[in-house]
C-alpha atoms as a PDB file:
ATOM      1  CA  MET A   1       0.029   0.032   0.027  1.00  0.00           C
ATOM      2  CA  TYR A   2       2.790   2.517   0.872  1.00  0.00           C
ATOM      3  CA  ARG A   3       4.715   1.503  -2.147  1.00  0.00           C
ATOM      4  CA  LEU A   4       1.692   2.372  -4.372  1.00  0.00           C
ATOM      5  CA  THR A   5       1.221   5.752  -2.663  1.00  0.00           C
ATOM      6  CA  PHE A   6       4.954   6.490  -3.012  1.00  0.00           C
ATOM      7  CA  LEU A   7       4.806   5.585  -6.745  1.00  0.00           C
ATOM      8  CA  MET A   8       1.855   7.854  -7.383  1.00  0.00           C
ATOM      9  CA  LEU A   9       3.486  10.669  -5.462  1.00  0.00           C
ATOM     10  CA  ALA A  10       6.701  10.050  -7.191  1.00  0.00           C
ATOM     11  CA  CYS A  11       5.036  10.314 -10.520  1.00  0.00           C
ATOM     12  CA  THR A  12       2.543  13.168  -9.982  1.00  0.00           C
ATOM     13  CA  LEU A  13       5.043  15.862  -8.567  1.00  0.00           C
ATOM     14  CA  PRO A  14       7.597  15.430 -11.375  1.00  0.00           C
ATOM     15  CA  ALA A  15       4.859  15.600 -13.926  1.00  0.00           C
ATOM     16  CA  ALA A  16       3.446  18.925 -12.525  1.00  0.00           C
ATOM     17  CA  TYR A  17       6.949  20.296 -12.203  1.00  0.00           C
ATOM     18  CA  THR A  18       7.691  19.462 -15.889  1.00  0.00           C
ATOM     19  CA  ILE A  19       4.643  21.392 -17.052  1.00  0.00           C
ATOM     20  CA  TYR A  20       5.506  24.327 -14.791  1.00  0.00           C
ATOM     21  CA  SER A  21       9.186  24.510 -15.840  1.00  0.00           C
ATOM     22  CA  ALA A  22       8.369  24.195 -19.519  1.00  0.00           C
ATOM     23  CA  LYS A  23       6.275  27.341 -19.224  1.00  0.00           C
ATOM     24  CA  ASN A  24       8.882  29.099 -17.334  1.00  0.00           C
ATOM     25  CA  VAL A  25      11.616  28.153 -19.842  1.00  0.00           C
ATOM     26  CA  ILE A  26       9.580  29.658 -22.616  1.00  0.00           C
ATOM     27  CA  ALA A  27       8.939  32.846 -20.622  1.00  0.00           C
ATOM     28  CA  ALA A  28      12.654  33.057 -19.839  1.00  0.00           C
ATOM     29  CA  LEU A  29      13.552  33.169 -23.449  1.00  0.00           C
ATOM     30  CA  GLY A  30      11.288  36.209 -23.936  1.00  0.00           C
ATOM     31  CA  PHE A  31       7.910  34.624 -24.999  1.00  0.00           C
ATOM     32  CA  THR A  32       5.709  36.239 -22.305  1.00  0.00           C
ATOM     33  CA  ALA A  33       2.097  36.869 -21.882  1.00  0.00           C
ATOM     34  CA  ASN A  34       2.414  40.242 -23.273  1.00  0.00           C
ATOM     35  CA  GLY A  35       4.109  39.056 -26.468  1.00  0.00           C
ATOM     36  CA  ILE A  36       7.806  39.085 -27.271  1.00  0.00           C
ATOM     37  CA  MET A  37       9.960  40.965 -24.778  1.00  0.00           C
ATOM     38  CA  VAL A  38      12.250  43.619 -26.362  1.00  0.00           C
ATOM     39  CA  GLY A  39      15.926  42.770 -26.048  1.00  0.00           C
ATOM     40  CA  SER A  40      15.419  39.085 -25.188  1.00  0.00           C
ATOM     41  CA  CYS A  41      16.508  35.908 -27.049  1.00  0.00           C
ATOM     42  CA  ALA A  42      13.117  35.685 -28.528  1.00  0.00           C
ATOM     43  CA  ASP A  43      13.379  39.291 -29.971  1.00  0.00           C
ATOM     44  CA  LYS A  44      16.893  38.412 -31.458  1.00  0.00           C
ATOM     45  CA  LEU A  45      15.643  35.102 -32.821  1.00  0.00           C
ATOM     46  CA  LYS A  46      12.605  36.903 -34.422  1.00  0.00           C
ATOM     47  CA  SER A  47      14.859  39.460 -36.088  1.00  0.00           C
ATOM     48  CA  ILE A  48      17.288  36.871 -37.553  1.00  0.00           C
ATOM     49  CA  VAL A  49      14.280  34.807 -38.982  1.00  0.00           C
ATOM     50  CA  THR A  50      12.871  37.967 -40.333  1.00  0.00           C
ATOM     51  CA  PHE A  51      16.033  38.896 -42.036  1.00  0.00           C
ATOM     52  CA  PHE A  52      16.515  35.507 -43.635  1.00  0.00           C
ATOM     53  CA  ASN A  53      12.827  35.128 -44.825  1.00  0.00           C
ATOM     54  CA  GLY A  54      12.770  38.505 -46.508  1.00  0.00           C
ATOM     55  CA  GLY A  55      11.001  40.546 -43.865  1.00  0.00           C
ATOM     56  CA  THR A  56       8.164  38.071 -42.919  1.00  0.00           C
ATOM     57  CA  ILE A  57       7.664  35.299 -40.484  1.00  0.00           C
ATOM     58  CA  SER A  58       5.510  32.285 -41.770  1.00  0.00           C
ATOM     59  CA  PRO A  59       2.415  31.528 -39.592  1.00  0.00           C
ATOM     60  CA  GLU A  60       3.591  27.936 -38.916  1.00  0.00           C
ATOM     61  CA  SER A  61       7.019  29.191 -37.683  1.00  0.00           C
ATOM     62  CA  VAL A  62       8.507  28.049 -34.361  1.00  0.00           C
ATOM     63  CA  ILE A  63       8.572  31.637 -33.252  1.00  0.00           C
ATOM     64  CA  ILE A  64       4.780  32.055 -33.771  1.00  0.00           C
ATOM     65  CA  THR A  65       4.232  28.756 -31.889  1.00  0.00           C
ATOM     66  CA  LEU A  66       6.273  29.793 -28.890  1.00  0.00           C
ATOM     67  CA  GLU A  67       4.713  33.210 -29.064  1.00  0.00           C
ATOM     68  CA  ASN A  68       1.363  31.617 -28.788  1.00  0.00           C
ATOM     69  CA  ILE A  69       2.435  29.254 -25.902  1.00  0.00           C
ATOM     70  CA  GLY A  70       3.777  32.378 -24.095  1.00  0.00           C
ATOM     71  CA  ILE A  71       0.484  34.235 -24.490  1.00  0.00           C
ATOM     72  CA  GLU A  72      -2.145  31.491 -24.207  1.00  0.00           C
ATOM     73  CA  GLY A  73      -0.264  28.773 -22.365  1.00  0.00           C
ATOM     74  CA  PHE A  74      -0.299  25.077 -23.327  1.00  0.00           C
ATOM     75  CA  ASP A  75      -3.375  23.193 -24.517  1.00  0.00           C
ATOM     76  CA  LEU A  76      -4.643  20.217 -22.639  1.00  0.00           C
ATOM     77  CA  SER A  77      -3.004  17.541 -24.869  1.00  0.00           C
ATOM     78  CA  THR A  78       0.348  19.197 -24.464  1.00  0.00           C
ATOM     79  CA  MET A  79       0.050  19.362 -20.809  1.00  0.00           C
ATOM     80  CA  PHE A  80      -0.757  15.617 -20.784  1.00  0.00           C
ATOM     81  CA  MET A  81       2.235  14.875 -22.965  1.00  0.00           C
ATOM     82  CA  LEU A  82       4.629  16.970 -20.816  1.00  0.00           C
ATOM     83  CA  GLY A  83       3.075  15.305 -17.597  1.00  0.00           C
ATOM     84  CA  ALA A  84       3.735  11.849 -18.985  1.00  0.00           C
ATOM     85  CA  ILE A  85       7.310  12.651 -19.966  1.00  0.00           C
ATOM     86  CA  GLY A  86       7.836  13.942 -16.360  1.00  0.00           C
ATOM     87  CA  ALA A  87       6.209  10.867 -14.837  1.00  0.00           C
ATOM     88  CA  LEU A  88       8.240   8.474 -17.131  1.00  0.00           C
ATOM     89  CA  LEU A  89      11.469  10.285 -16.196  1.00  0.00           C
ATOM     90  CA  SER A  90      10.750  10.114 -12.591  1.00  0.00           C
ATOM     91  CA  ILE A  91       9.914   6.371 -12.773  1.00  0.00           C
ATOM     92  CA  ILE A  92      13.241   5.691 -14.582  1.00  0.00           C
ATOM     93  CA  LEU A  93      15.106   7.726 -11.994  1.00  0.00           C
ATOM     94  CA  PHE A  94      13.567   5.985  -9.060  1.00  0.00           C
ATOM     95  CA  MET A  95      14.053   2.496 -10.773  1.00  0.00           C
ATOM     96  CA  ARG A  96      17.844   3.506 -11.227  1.00  0.00           C
ATOM     97  CA  LEU A  97      18.043   4.522  -7.612  1.00  0.00           C
ATOM     98  CA  LYS A  98      16.355   1.219  -6.594  1.00  0.00           C
ATOM     99  CA  LEU A  99      13.719   3.124  -4.641  1.00  0.00           C
ATOM    100  CA  LEU A 100      10.806   1.268  -6.307  1.00  0.00           C
END
């Protein structure tokens, strides 16, 4: 019983932390809720892509995707995927440490 509780806790906390930290990494790059922050890595990346694309950024660009994530956040399927990745990594780590 205690082992199952520990396993559930060991999977849930890293899954939630993975979702939280992914959003913070994107915000740290400069893709914030207010758009792209001036002088950030995102601003530099946007200017480089704009220069090489002839002054435009395509709608399916990575920059537009990250900007939408920064403004709107992750959709539900992405949060499930990130949570599953965090849970799997925690299970692998705990199995390596022989805690499970």
